[in-house]
N, C-alpha and C. Protein backbone atom coordinates (compact mmCIF):
# COMPACT_ATOMS: atom_id res chain seq x y z
N MET A 1 1.09 -1.18 0.09
CA MET A 1 -0.06 -0.01 -0.07
C MET A 1 0.84 1.09 -0.01
N LEU A 2 0.68 2.36 -0.87
CA LEU A 2 1.24 3.56 -0.96
C LEU A 2 0.70 4.36 -0.08
N THR A 3 1.50 5.38 0.62
CA THR A 3 0.98 6.43 1.07
C THR A 3 0.33 7.52 0.01
N GLU A 4 -0.35 8.33 0.45
CA GLU A 4 -1.11 9.42 -0.27
C GLU A 4 0.05 10.09 -1.18
N ARG A 5 1.21 10.55 -0.54
CA ARG A 5 2.16 11.40 -1.11
C ARG A 5 3.11 10.38 -2.03
N GLU A 6 3.22 9.27 -1.71
CA GLU A 6 4.01 8.18 -2.72
C GLU A 6 2.98 8.17 -3.82
N GLN A 7 1.59 7.81 -3.55
CA GLN A 7 0.78 7.76 -4.94
C GLN A 7 1.05 9.06 -5.82
N ASP A 8 0.92 10.34 -5.04
CA ASP A 8 0.93 11.42 -5.80
C ASP A 8 2.22 11.48 -6.70
N THR A 9 3.31 11.08 -6.10
CA THR A 9 4.59 11.00 -6.73
C THR A 9 4.70 10.09 -7.97
N LEU A 10 4.00 8.97 -7.74
CA LEU A 10 3.83 8.11 -9.02
C LEU A 10 3.13 8.62 -10.27
N ASP A 11 1.95 9.24 -9.77
CA ASP A 11 1.06 10.06 -10.58
C ASP A 11 1.79 10.86 -11.40
N PHE A 12 2.39 11.72 -10.68
CA PHE A 12 3.04 12.73 -11.36
C PHE A 12 4.25 12.33 -12.29
N ILE A 13 4.84 11.35 -11.94
CA ILE A 13 6.09 10.72 -13.03
C ILE A 13 5.34 10.31 -14.15
N ARG A 14 4.21 9.38 -13.89
CA ARG A 14 3.28 8.96 -14.93
C ARG A 14 3.08 9.85 -16.05
N HIS A 15 2.29 11.00 -15.43
CA HIS A 15 1.67 12.07 -16.25
C HIS A 15 3.00 12.66 -17.09
N TYR A 16 3.94 13.02 -16.45
CA TYR A 16 5.09 13.64 -17.02
C TYR A 16 5.55 12.77 -18.26
N ILE A 17 6.10 11.62 -17.79
CA ILE A 17 6.46 10.57 -18.87
C ILE A 17 5.35 10.60 -20.20
N ASP A 18 4.11 10.65 -19.87
CA ASP A 18 3.19 10.51 -21.11
C ASP A 18 3.20 11.87 -21.77
N GLU A 19 3.40 13.10 -21.13
CA GLU A 19 3.35 14.41 -21.77
C GLU A 19 4.61 14.66 -22.45
N GLN A 20 5.84 14.27 -21.64
CA GLN A 20 7.05 15.06 -22.12
C GLN A 20 7.76 13.79 -23.02
N GLY A 21 7.40 12.39 -22.72
CA GLY A 21 8.21 11.40 -23.53
C GLY A 21 9.21 11.01 -22.89
N ARG A 22 9.75 11.51 -21.72
CA ARG A 22 10.89 11.19 -20.87
C ARG A 22 10.69 11.27 -19.61
N SER A 23 11.52 10.71 -18.42
CA SER A 23 11.17 10.92 -17.01
C SER A 23 11.66 12.13 -16.36
N PRO A 24 11.00 12.41 -15.31
CA PRO A 24 11.38 13.97 -14.78
C PRO A 24 12.70 13.90 -13.94
N LEU A 25 13.45 14.90 -13.73
CA LEU A 25 14.27 15.17 -12.76
C LEU A 25 13.80 15.19 -11.22
N VAL A 26 14.20 14.84 -10.33
CA VAL A 26 13.98 14.99 -8.95
C VAL A 26 13.48 16.11 -8.63
N SER A 27 13.99 17.53 -9.03
CA SER A 27 13.92 18.86 -8.72
C SER A 27 12.58 19.21 -9.36
N GLU A 28 12.08 18.49 -10.52
CA GLU A 28 10.88 18.58 -11.19
C GLU A 28 9.90 18.07 -10.73
N ILE A 29 9.75 16.85 -9.86
CA ILE A 29 9.02 16.19 -9.18
C ILE A 29 8.71 16.95 -7.94
N ALA A 30 9.81 17.48 -7.32
CA ALA A 30 9.54 18.29 -6.01
C ALA A 30 8.76 19.59 -6.39
N LYS A 31 9.15 20.12 -7.28
CA LYS A 31 8.67 21.43 -7.79
C LYS A 31 6.88 21.19 -8.20
N GLY A 32 6.92 19.97 -9.03
CA GLY A 32 5.61 19.72 -9.07
C GLY A 32 4.48 19.28 -8.12
N LEU A 33 5.18 18.79 -7.28
CA LEU A 33 4.38 18.33 -5.89
C LEU A 33 4.30 19.24 -4.69
N GLY A 34 4.82 20.32 -5.12
CA GLY A 34 5.12 21.44 -4.02
C GLY A 34 5.82 21.14 -2.83
N ILE A 35 6.80 20.36 -3.20
CA ILE A 35 7.86 19.82 -2.21
C ILE A 35 9.29 20.56 -2.00
N LYS A 36 9.56 21.28 -0.73
CA LYS A 36 10.47 21.99 -0.73
C LYS A 36 11.97 21.18 -0.45
N SER A 37 11.84 20.05 0.00
CA SER A 37 13.21 19.39 0.19
C SER A 37 13.22 17.91 -0.85
N GLN A 38 14.28 18.22 -1.70
CA GLN A 38 14.52 17.13 -2.57
C GLN A 38 14.83 15.74 -1.98
N GLY A 39 15.35 15.87 -0.57
CA GLY A 39 15.38 14.56 0.35
C GLY A 39 14.30 13.90 0.56
N THR A 40 13.25 14.92 0.82
CA THR A 40 11.81 14.14 0.99
C THR A 40 11.21 13.67 -0.32
N THR A 41 11.72 13.98 -1.55
CA THR A 41 11.30 13.68 -2.90
C THR A 41 11.97 12.33 -3.35
N HIS A 42 13.40 12.24 -2.67
CA HIS A 42 14.13 11.03 -2.73
C HIS A 42 13.43 9.85 -1.98
N ARG A 43 13.03 10.06 -0.80
CA ARG A 43 12.36 9.02 -0.05
C ARG A 43 11.15 8.52 -0.70
N TYR A 44 10.30 9.30 -1.32
CA TYR A 44 9.12 9.01 -2.10
C TYR A 44 9.61 8.02 -3.09
N ILE A 45 10.73 8.64 -4.07
CA ILE A 45 11.04 7.66 -4.99
C ILE A 45 11.46 6.31 -4.67
N GLN A 46 12.09 6.35 -3.40
CA GLN A 46 12.94 4.97 -2.99
C GLN A 46 11.67 4.19 -2.91
N ALA A 47 10.52 4.77 -2.18
CA ALA A 47 9.51 3.93 -1.75
C ALA A 47 8.77 3.35 -2.88
N LEU A 48 8.68 3.98 -3.89
CA LEU A 48 8.25 3.61 -5.16
C LEU A 48 9.22 2.29 -5.88
N VAL A 49 10.61 2.49 -5.75
CA VAL A 49 11.40 1.50 -6.24
C VAL A 49 11.42 0.43 -5.41
N ASP A 50 11.01 0.41 -4.05
CA ASP A 50 10.98 -0.70 -3.25
C ASP A 50 9.69 -1.69 -3.40
N ALA A 51 8.70 -0.62 -3.68
CA ALA A 51 7.38 -1.29 -4.30
C ALA A 51 7.40 -2.09 -5.35
N GLY A 52 8.52 -1.91 -6.09
CA GLY A 52 8.54 -2.54 -7.74
C GLY A 52 8.04 -1.88 -8.62
N LEU A 53 7.55 -0.44 -8.50
CA LEU A 53 6.69 0.31 -9.42
C LEU A 53 7.58 1.29 -10.29
N LEU A 54 8.84 1.50 -9.68
CA LEU A 54 9.69 2.20 -10.30
C LEU A 54 11.23 1.60 -10.44
N GLU A 55 12.24 1.81 -11.30
CA GLU A 55 13.56 1.57 -11.57
C GLU A 55 14.23 2.79 -11.42
N ARG A 56 15.45 2.81 -11.01
CA ARG A 56 16.27 4.00 -10.93
C ARG A 56 17.34 3.53 -11.59
N HIS A 57 17.79 4.13 -12.78
CA HIS A 57 19.06 3.69 -13.65
C HIS A 57 19.98 4.74 -13.18
N VAL A 58 20.93 4.27 -12.40
CA VAL A 58 22.14 5.07 -11.73
C VAL A 58 23.06 5.29 -12.96
N GLY A 59 23.37 6.78 -13.01
CA GLY A 59 24.35 7.06 -14.12
C GLY A 59 23.77 7.86 -15.45
N ARG A 60 22.28 7.65 -15.40
CA ARG A 60 21.58 8.11 -16.48
C ARG A 60 20.70 9.32 -16.20
N THR A 61 20.90 10.31 -17.18
CA THR A 61 20.09 11.44 -16.91
C THR A 61 18.52 10.91 -17.20
N ARG A 62 17.87 11.44 -16.24
CA ARG A 62 16.47 11.37 -16.05
C ARG A 62 16.45 9.69 -16.39
N GLY A 63 16.88 9.21 -15.28
CA GLY A 63 17.14 7.52 -15.11
C GLY A 63 16.11 6.74 -14.61
N LEU A 64 14.60 7.48 -14.39
CA LEU A 64 13.70 6.84 -13.59
C LEU A 64 12.76 6.29 -14.70
N HIS A 65 12.39 4.74 -14.38
CA HIS A 65 11.58 4.03 -15.35
C HIS A 65 10.33 3.29 -14.72
N LEU A 66 9.17 3.64 -14.95
CA LEU A 66 8.19 2.98 -14.61
C LEU A 66 8.16 1.30 -15.19
N THR A 67 7.94 0.46 -14.06
CA THR A 67 8.28 -0.84 -14.42
C THR A 67 6.88 -1.60 -15.08
N ASP A 68 5.76 -0.98 -15.47
CA ASP A 68 4.81 -1.45 -16.12
C ASP A 68 4.72 -0.76 -17.55
N GLN A 69 5.88 0.19 -18.01
CA GLN A 69 6.09 0.43 -19.40
C GLN A 69 7.13 0.30 -20.09
N PRO A 70 7.45 -0.22 -21.16
CA PRO A 70 8.40 -0.58 -22.03
C PRO A 70 9.38 0.26 -21.86
N ASP A 71 10.78 -0.12 -21.56
CA ASP A 71 12.06 0.76 -21.46
C ASP A 71 12.28 1.44 -22.79
N THR A 72 12.68 2.54 -22.85
CA THR A 72 13.02 3.28 -24.20
C THR A 72 14.68 2.82 -24.15
N ALA A 73 15.25 3.16 -25.55
CA ALA A 73 16.67 3.10 -25.66
C ALA A 73 17.36 3.96 -24.72
N PRO A 74 18.55 3.45 -24.03
CA PRO A 74 19.32 4.34 -22.91
C PRO A 74 19.68 5.61 -23.64
N GLN A 75 19.38 6.45 -22.67
CA GLN A 75 19.52 7.76 -22.75
C GLN A 75 21.03 8.14 -22.40
N ILE A 76 21.65 9.23 -23.50
CA ILE A 76 23.14 9.29 -22.96
C ILE A 76 22.95 10.76 -22.92
N ALA A 77 23.62 11.18 -21.69
CA ALA A 77 23.55 12.47 -21.05
C ALA A 77 25.04 13.09 -21.94
N VAL A 78 24.70 14.04 -22.50
CA VAL A 78 25.59 14.88 -23.36
C VAL A 78 25.69 16.31 -22.64
N THR A 79 27.04 16.41 -21.86
CA THR A 79 26.83 17.66 -21.23
C THR A 79 28.45 18.30 -21.45
N LEU A 80 28.35 19.65 -21.48
CA LEU A 80 29.61 20.38 -21.44
C LEU A 80 29.73 21.41 -20.42
N PRO A 81 30.87 21.74 -19.94
CA PRO A 81 30.97 22.65 -18.91
C PRO A 81 31.07 23.92 -19.53
N VAL A 82 30.34 25.01 -18.51
CA VAL A 82 29.95 26.32 -18.66
C VAL A 82 30.95 27.01 -17.89
N LYS A 83 32.06 27.56 -18.75
CA LYS A 83 33.28 28.33 -18.06
C LYS A 83 32.80 29.67 -17.64
N GLY A 84 31.67 30.30 -18.26
CA GLY A 84 31.65 31.74 -18.11
C GLY A 84 30.99 32.34 -19.01
N LYS A 85 31.20 33.63 -19.07
CA LYS A 85 30.71 34.51 -20.20
C LYS A 85 31.70 35.04 -20.86
N ILE A 86 31.29 35.51 -22.29
CA ILE A 86 32.51 35.87 -23.34
C ILE A 86 31.71 37.16 -23.97
N ALA A 87 32.56 38.19 -24.26
CA ALA A 87 32.01 39.65 -24.68
C ALA A 87 31.76 39.39 -26.16
N ALA A 88 30.68 39.84 -26.62
CA ALA A 88 30.36 39.85 -28.04
C ALA A 88 29.95 41.36 -28.35
N GLY A 89 30.31 42.31 -27.40
CA GLY A 89 30.05 43.58 -27.57
C GLY A 89 31.32 44.36 -26.88
N ARG A 90 31.00 45.06 -25.85
CA ARG A 90 32.03 45.53 -24.94
C ARG A 90 32.91 44.59 -24.10
N LEU A 91 34.17 44.87 -23.87
CA LEU A 91 35.01 43.79 -23.07
C LEU A 91 34.15 43.63 -21.66
N ILE A 92 34.28 42.56 -21.09
CA ILE A 92 33.94 42.29 -19.87
C ILE A 92 34.71 41.58 -19.05
N GLU A 93 34.88 41.47 -17.72
CA GLU A 93 35.67 40.49 -16.95
C GLU A 93 35.61 39.09 -17.22
N ALA A 94 36.42 38.37 -17.44
CA ALA A 94 36.22 36.87 -17.68
C ALA A 94 35.94 36.29 -16.11
N VAL A 95 34.74 35.89 -15.97
CA VAL A 95 34.53 35.08 -14.57
C VAL A 95 34.20 33.85 -14.81
N ALA A 96 35.05 32.85 -13.92
CA ALA A 96 34.98 31.24 -14.25
C ALA A 96 33.40 30.98 -13.84
N ASP A 97 33.23 29.95 -14.14
CA ASP A 97 31.64 29.16 -14.08
C ASP A 97 31.82 27.99 -13.98
N GLU A 98 31.57 27.19 -12.99
CA GLU A 98 31.84 25.65 -13.06
C GLU A 98 30.47 24.88 -13.36
N SER A 99 29.24 25.44 -13.76
CA SER A 99 28.06 24.84 -14.04
C SER A 99 28.33 24.00 -15.36
N GLU A 100 27.44 23.18 -15.62
CA GLU A 100 27.26 22.17 -16.78
C GLU A 100 25.85 22.66 -17.57
N ILE A 101 25.92 22.46 -19.02
CA ILE A 101 24.73 22.44 -19.80
C ILE A 101 24.53 20.93 -20.24
N ASP A 102 23.26 20.49 -19.94
CA ASP A 102 23.13 19.28 -20.48
C ASP A 102 22.37 19.45 -21.85
N LEU A 103 23.19 19.14 -22.86
CA LEU A 103 22.65 19.29 -24.29
C LEU A 103 21.24 18.34 -24.63
N SER A 104 21.38 17.23 -23.79
CA SER A 104 20.11 16.30 -24.13
C SER A 104 18.73 16.65 -23.46
N ASP A 105 18.96 17.38 -22.42
CA ASP A 105 17.91 18.07 -21.80
C ASP A 105 17.35 19.17 -22.51
N MET A 106 18.32 19.86 -23.30
CA MET A 106 17.98 21.38 -24.05
C MET A 106 16.98 20.61 -25.31
N PHE A 107 17.43 19.62 -25.96
CA PHE A 107 17.12 19.47 -27.39
C PHE A 107 16.25 18.21 -27.42
N THR A 108 16.02 17.26 -26.56
CA THR A 108 15.43 16.10 -26.66
C THR A 108 13.85 16.52 -26.18
N GLY A 109 12.97 15.68 -26.37
CA GLY A 109 11.61 15.85 -26.24
C GLY A 109 10.71 15.13 -26.73
N LYS A 110 9.75 14.72 -26.30
CA LYS A 110 8.55 13.94 -27.26
C LYS A 110 8.13 14.95 -28.42
N GLY A 111 7.95 14.11 -29.45
CA GLY A 111 7.76 14.78 -30.74
C GLY A 111 8.76 15.63 -31.50
N ARG A 112 10.19 15.50 -31.04
CA ARG A 112 10.91 16.43 -31.55
C ARG A 112 11.87 15.86 -32.60
N PHE A 113 12.33 16.61 -33.54
CA PHE A 113 13.27 15.96 -34.66
C PHE A 113 14.08 16.90 -35.45
N VAL A 114 15.05 16.44 -36.14
CA VAL A 114 16.08 17.46 -36.26
C VAL A 114 15.98 17.28 -38.05
N LEU A 115 16.15 18.33 -38.46
CA LEU A 115 16.41 18.68 -40.17
C LEU A 115 17.44 19.41 -40.54
N LYS A 116 18.33 18.95 -41.37
CA LYS A 116 19.52 19.64 -41.80
C LYS A 116 19.13 20.95 -43.06
N VAL A 117 19.48 21.93 -42.93
CA VAL A 117 19.00 23.08 -43.71
C VAL A 117 19.99 23.06 -45.03
N ASN A 118 19.23 23.24 -46.09
CA ASN A 118 19.70 23.09 -47.24
C ASN A 118 19.30 24.52 -48.16
N GLY A 119 20.01 25.34 -48.10
CA GLY A 119 19.71 27.04 -48.92
C GLY A 119 20.03 27.93 -47.77
N ASP A 120 20.02 29.12 -48.54
CA ASP A 120 20.37 30.27 -47.68
C ASP A 120 18.99 31.29 -47.42
N SER A 121 17.70 31.11 -47.43
CA SER A 121 16.78 31.86 -47.36
C SER A 121 16.58 32.23 -45.90
N MET A 122 17.11 31.81 -45.01
CA MET A 122 16.90 32.28 -43.74
C MET A 122 18.02 32.70 -42.91
N ILE A 123 19.04 33.18 -43.69
CA ILE A 123 20.55 33.61 -43.40
C ILE A 123 20.13 34.91 -42.22
N ASP A 124 19.24 35.56 -42.53
CA ASP A 124 19.37 36.95 -41.66
C ASP A 124 18.64 36.31 -40.42
N LYS A 125 18.05 35.28 -40.12
CA LYS A 125 17.75 34.68 -38.90
C LYS A 125 18.71 34.02 -38.30
N ALA A 126 20.16 33.99 -39.01
CA ALA A 126 21.10 33.28 -38.63
C ALA A 126 21.06 31.96 -38.60
N ILE A 127 20.41 31.34 -39.71
CA ILE A 127 20.04 29.78 -40.04
C ILE A 127 20.76 29.72 -41.23
N MET A 128 21.80 29.10 -41.43
CA MET A 128 22.80 28.90 -42.55
C MET A 128 22.66 27.53 -43.39
N SER A 129 22.94 27.47 -44.48
CA SER A 129 22.92 25.99 -45.16
C SER A 129 24.03 25.46 -44.31
N GLY A 130 23.45 24.04 -44.05
CA GLY A 130 24.17 23.21 -43.48
C GLY A 130 24.11 23.15 -42.03
N ASP A 131 23.40 24.05 -41.42
CA ASP A 131 22.76 23.80 -39.84
C ASP A 131 22.05 22.78 -39.77
N TYR A 132 21.62 22.49 -38.48
CA TYR A 132 20.60 21.55 -38.20
C TYR A 132 19.68 22.29 -37.19
N VAL A 133 18.27 22.19 -37.39
CA VAL A 133 17.26 22.83 -36.60
C VAL A 133 16.47 21.71 -36.06
N VAL A 134 16.44 22.04 -34.75
CA VAL A 134 15.53 21.24 -33.96
C VAL A 134 14.02 21.55 -33.98
N VAL A 135 13.01 20.89 -34.50
CA VAL A 135 11.90 20.92 -34.58
C VAL A 135 10.82 20.28 -33.55
N GLN A 136 9.88 21.04 -33.02
CA GLN A 136 8.86 20.37 -32.27
C GLN A 136 7.76 20.01 -33.27
N SER A 137 7.44 18.84 -33.50
CA SER A 137 6.26 18.54 -34.15
C SER A 137 4.84 18.87 -33.69
N GLN A 138 4.19 19.68 -34.54
CA GLN A 138 2.87 20.01 -33.97
C GLN A 138 2.18 20.84 -35.32
N PRO A 139 0.90 20.78 -35.36
CA PRO A 139 0.04 20.99 -36.40
C PRO A 139 -0.30 22.67 -36.43
N THR A 140 0.22 23.07 -35.66
CA THR A 140 -0.22 24.77 -35.60
C THR A 140 0.92 25.71 -35.19
N ALA A 141 1.04 26.81 -35.17
CA ALA A 141 2.05 27.77 -34.89
C ALA A 141 1.31 29.01 -34.77
N ARG A 142 2.32 30.18 -34.12
CA ARG A 142 1.68 31.31 -33.79
C ARG A 142 2.47 32.10 -34.90
N HIS A 143 1.80 33.44 -35.04
CA HIS A 143 2.22 34.45 -35.81
C HIS A 143 3.84 34.80 -35.67
N GLY A 144 4.67 34.57 -36.65
CA GLY A 144 6.21 35.06 -36.32
C GLY A 144 6.67 33.76 -35.91
N ASP A 145 6.31 32.68 -35.73
CA ASP A 145 7.00 31.44 -35.61
C ASP A 145 7.95 30.84 -36.74
N ILE A 146 9.11 30.60 -36.56
CA ILE A 146 9.82 29.95 -37.83
C ILE A 146 9.44 28.34 -37.81
N VAL A 147 8.82 27.86 -38.94
CA VAL A 147 8.02 26.76 -39.06
C VAL A 147 8.46 25.93 -40.39
N VAL A 148 8.41 24.67 -40.07
CA VAL A 148 8.41 23.61 -41.48
C VAL A 148 6.95 23.86 -41.84
N ALA A 149 6.55 23.99 -42.93
CA ALA A 149 5.73 24.01 -43.42
C ALA A 149 5.47 23.30 -45.00
N LEU A 150 4.47 22.73 -45.28
CA LEU A 150 4.25 21.91 -46.16
C LEU A 150 3.22 22.71 -47.32
N VAL A 151 3.67 22.87 -48.32
CA VAL A 151 2.87 23.65 -49.37
C VAL A 151 2.02 22.74 -50.45
N ASP A 152 0.58 22.66 -50.43
CA ASP A 152 -0.20 21.75 -51.23
C ASP A 152 0.20 20.26 -51.13
N GLY A 153 0.62 19.90 -49.78
CA GLY A 153 0.87 18.72 -49.49
C GLY A 153 2.16 18.11 -50.13
N PHE A 154 3.05 18.77 -50.64
CA PHE A 154 4.10 18.36 -51.43
C PHE A 154 5.35 19.02 -51.18
N ASP A 155 5.57 20.49 -51.28
CA ASP A 155 6.64 21.18 -51.19
C ASP A 155 6.91 21.67 -49.51
N ALA A 156 8.05 20.99 -49.12
CA ALA A 156 8.33 21.68 -47.58
C ALA A 156 9.36 22.69 -47.47
N THR A 157 9.09 23.54 -46.98
CA THR A 157 10.20 24.85 -46.90
C THR A 157 10.32 25.19 -45.18
N LEU A 158 11.23 25.94 -45.07
CA LEU A 158 11.42 26.41 -43.64
C LEU A 158 11.41 27.95 -43.80
N LYS A 159 10.49 28.58 -43.26
CA LYS A 159 10.09 30.25 -43.38
C LYS A 159 9.52 30.49 -42.05
N THR A 160 9.37 31.97 -41.89
CA THR A 160 8.76 32.65 -40.62
C THR A 160 7.39 32.68 -41.19
N LEU A 161 6.37 32.06 -40.42
CA LEU A 161 4.99 32.03 -40.61
C LEU A 161 4.45 33.27 -40.02
N LEU A 162 3.63 34.05 -41.02
CA LEU A 162 2.87 35.13 -40.78
C LEU A 162 1.39 34.96 -41.19
N ILE A 163 0.50 35.30 -40.06
CA ILE A 163 -0.74 34.84 -40.18
C ILE A 163 -1.38 36.19 -40.66
N ASN A 164 -2.34 36.29 -41.63
CA ASN A 164 -2.79 37.63 -42.17
C ASN A 164 -4.20 37.59 -42.02
N ASN A 165 -4.84 38.79 -41.81
CA ASN A 165 -6.41 38.93 -41.42
C ASN A 165 -7.41 38.43 -42.53
N ASP A 166 -6.90 38.35 -43.81
CA ASP A 166 -7.69 37.96 -44.72
C ASP A 166 -7.93 36.41 -45.22
N GLY A 167 -7.23 35.47 -44.19
CA GLY A 167 -7.47 34.07 -44.39
C GLY A 167 -6.31 33.62 -45.17
N THR A 168 -5.34 34.32 -45.37
CA THR A 168 -4.00 33.73 -46.08
C THR A 168 -2.90 33.79 -45.10
N VAL A 169 -1.75 33.02 -45.39
CA VAL A 169 -0.51 33.07 -44.69
C VAL A 169 0.31 33.50 -45.44
N THR A 170 1.42 34.01 -44.94
CA THR A 170 2.78 34.46 -45.52
C THR A 170 3.90 33.52 -45.09
N LEU A 171 4.51 32.86 -46.06
CA LEU A 171 5.97 32.16 -45.83
C LEU A 171 7.03 33.28 -46.06
N MET A 172 7.62 34.03 -44.92
CA MET A 172 8.48 34.98 -45.07
C MET A 172 9.86 34.59 -44.93
N PRO A 173 10.70 34.42 -46.01
CA PRO A 173 12.02 34.27 -46.02
C PRO A 173 12.70 35.12 -45.05
N ALA A 174 14.17 35.07 -44.75
CA ALA A 174 15.03 35.93 -44.08
C ALA A 174 16.12 36.36 -44.84
N ASN A 175 15.88 36.74 -46.20
CA ASN A 175 17.03 36.87 -47.10
C ASN A 175 16.30 37.95 -48.46
N VAL A 176 17.11 38.97 -48.61
CA VAL A 176 16.38 40.00 -49.62
C VAL A 176 16.21 39.24 -50.85
N ASN A 177 16.89 37.96 -51.21
CA ASN A 177 17.02 37.72 -52.40
C ASN A 177 15.93 36.76 -52.62
N TYR A 178 14.91 36.66 -51.64
CA TYR A 178 14.07 35.57 -51.95
C TYR A 178 12.61 36.24 -51.71
N GLU A 179 11.58 35.96 -52.47
CA GLU A 179 10.51 36.76 -52.37
C GLU A 179 9.39 36.19 -51.14
N PRO A 180 8.66 36.78 -50.41
CA PRO A 180 7.52 36.21 -49.58
C PRO A 180 6.48 35.28 -50.67
N VAL A 181 5.85 34.39 -49.94
CA VAL A 181 4.96 33.59 -50.81
C VAL A 181 3.80 33.78 -49.82
N THR A 182 2.71 34.66 -50.37
CA THR A 182 1.36 34.44 -49.51
C THR A 182 0.12 33.47 -50.18
N LEU A 183 -0.33 32.64 -49.58
CA LEU A 183 -1.19 31.57 -49.79
C LEU A 183 -2.61 31.61 -48.97
N PRO A 184 -3.30 30.98 -49.85
CA PRO A 184 -4.58 30.49 -48.39
C PRO A 184 -3.95 29.50 -47.68
N ALA A 185 -4.62 29.85 -46.42
CA ALA A 185 -4.11 29.27 -45.25
C ALA A 185 -4.28 27.68 -45.47
N ASN A 186 -5.61 27.44 -46.23
CA ASN A 186 -5.68 25.65 -46.38
C ASN A 186 -4.61 24.95 -47.43
N ARG A 187 -3.78 25.93 -47.85
CA ARG A 187 -2.82 25.23 -48.69
C ARG A 187 -1.41 25.20 -48.08
N VAL A 188 -1.39 25.51 -46.95
CA VAL A 188 -0.30 25.44 -46.07
C VAL A 188 -0.51 24.70 -44.94
N ARG A 189 0.09 23.75 -44.71
CA ARG A 189 0.15 22.69 -43.51
C ARG A 189 1.40 22.68 -42.57
N VAL A 190 1.33 23.22 -41.19
CA VAL A 190 2.69 23.31 -40.49
C VAL A 190 2.92 21.72 -39.88
N GLN A 191 3.99 21.49 -40.19
CA GLN A 191 4.83 20.46 -39.84
C GLN A 191 5.16 20.57 -38.40
N GLY A 192 5.79 21.65 -38.13
CA GLY A 192 6.39 21.84 -36.64
C GLY A 192 7.05 23.10 -36.52
N VAL A 193 7.62 23.59 -35.23
CA VAL A 193 8.11 24.72 -35.05
C VAL A 193 9.47 24.58 -34.64
N VAL A 194 10.46 25.58 -35.06
CA VAL A 194 11.91 25.46 -34.62
C VAL A 194 11.88 25.86 -33.30
N VAL A 195 12.72 25.06 -32.34
CA VAL A 195 12.73 25.38 -31.33
C VAL A 195 14.12 25.48 -30.62
N GLY A 196 15.20 24.95 -31.81
CA GLY A 196 16.73 24.96 -31.44
C GLY A 196 17.44 24.84 -32.71
N GLN A 197 18.74 24.99 -32.59
CA GLN A 197 19.59 25.21 -33.65
C GLN A 197 20.96 24.69 -33.53
N LEU A 198 21.72 23.72 -34.42
CA LEU A 198 22.79 23.14 -34.23
C LEU A 198 24.02 23.52 -35.10
N ARG A 199 25.06 23.99 -34.90
CA ARG A 199 25.94 24.16 -35.97
C ARG A 199 27.22 23.85 -35.59
N THR A 200 28.33 23.01 -36.41
CA THR A 200 29.55 22.81 -36.19
C THR A 200 30.54 23.68 -36.93
N TYR A 201 31.50 23.66 -36.64
CA TYR A 201 32.64 24.43 -37.53
C TYR A 201 33.85 23.36 -37.60
N PRO A 202 34.50 23.19 -38.86
CA PRO A 202 35.48 22.67 -39.18
C PRO A 202 36.81 23.05 -38.29
């Protein structure tokens, strides 16, 4: 038998996985349940592990796994140290910072995928040919979002979406060498919204 708070913890973890496609961090569980102490949250988690309802994969980022759900492929944490700030305007003092950024936490999630950019129509938005964009798969977007759009069910493009008052939408490039394309809204289907970008240098 679980206590009320242990059941709340289990329900939160299950709902989070259903919504996000990954397990929550202990800090996210504590915040979601309104618990100030992560130590208390750890005790609830351990109680679920002892009850056989939860597994904890040590060494894995977001390593909680519900035993009644199939496990996904092992998640590899990709972290890089954050050493401080660097001036891109006026000079600033170099101050050391020993935190880390978890790239897998920044870019992974339920319904996300990556596309390699081919072309230069979005260069004024700092999206270059050869870059990789991280896209959240969804059928709707807001005015001004950078989207992956399908035109007439065939031609896919990466553009800024402008929603007009007359029932049309404009696919706006970010390069003066390309013309905006305005079409009836029913000819344009949003495939997803850009939420991140990756670029490497030789």
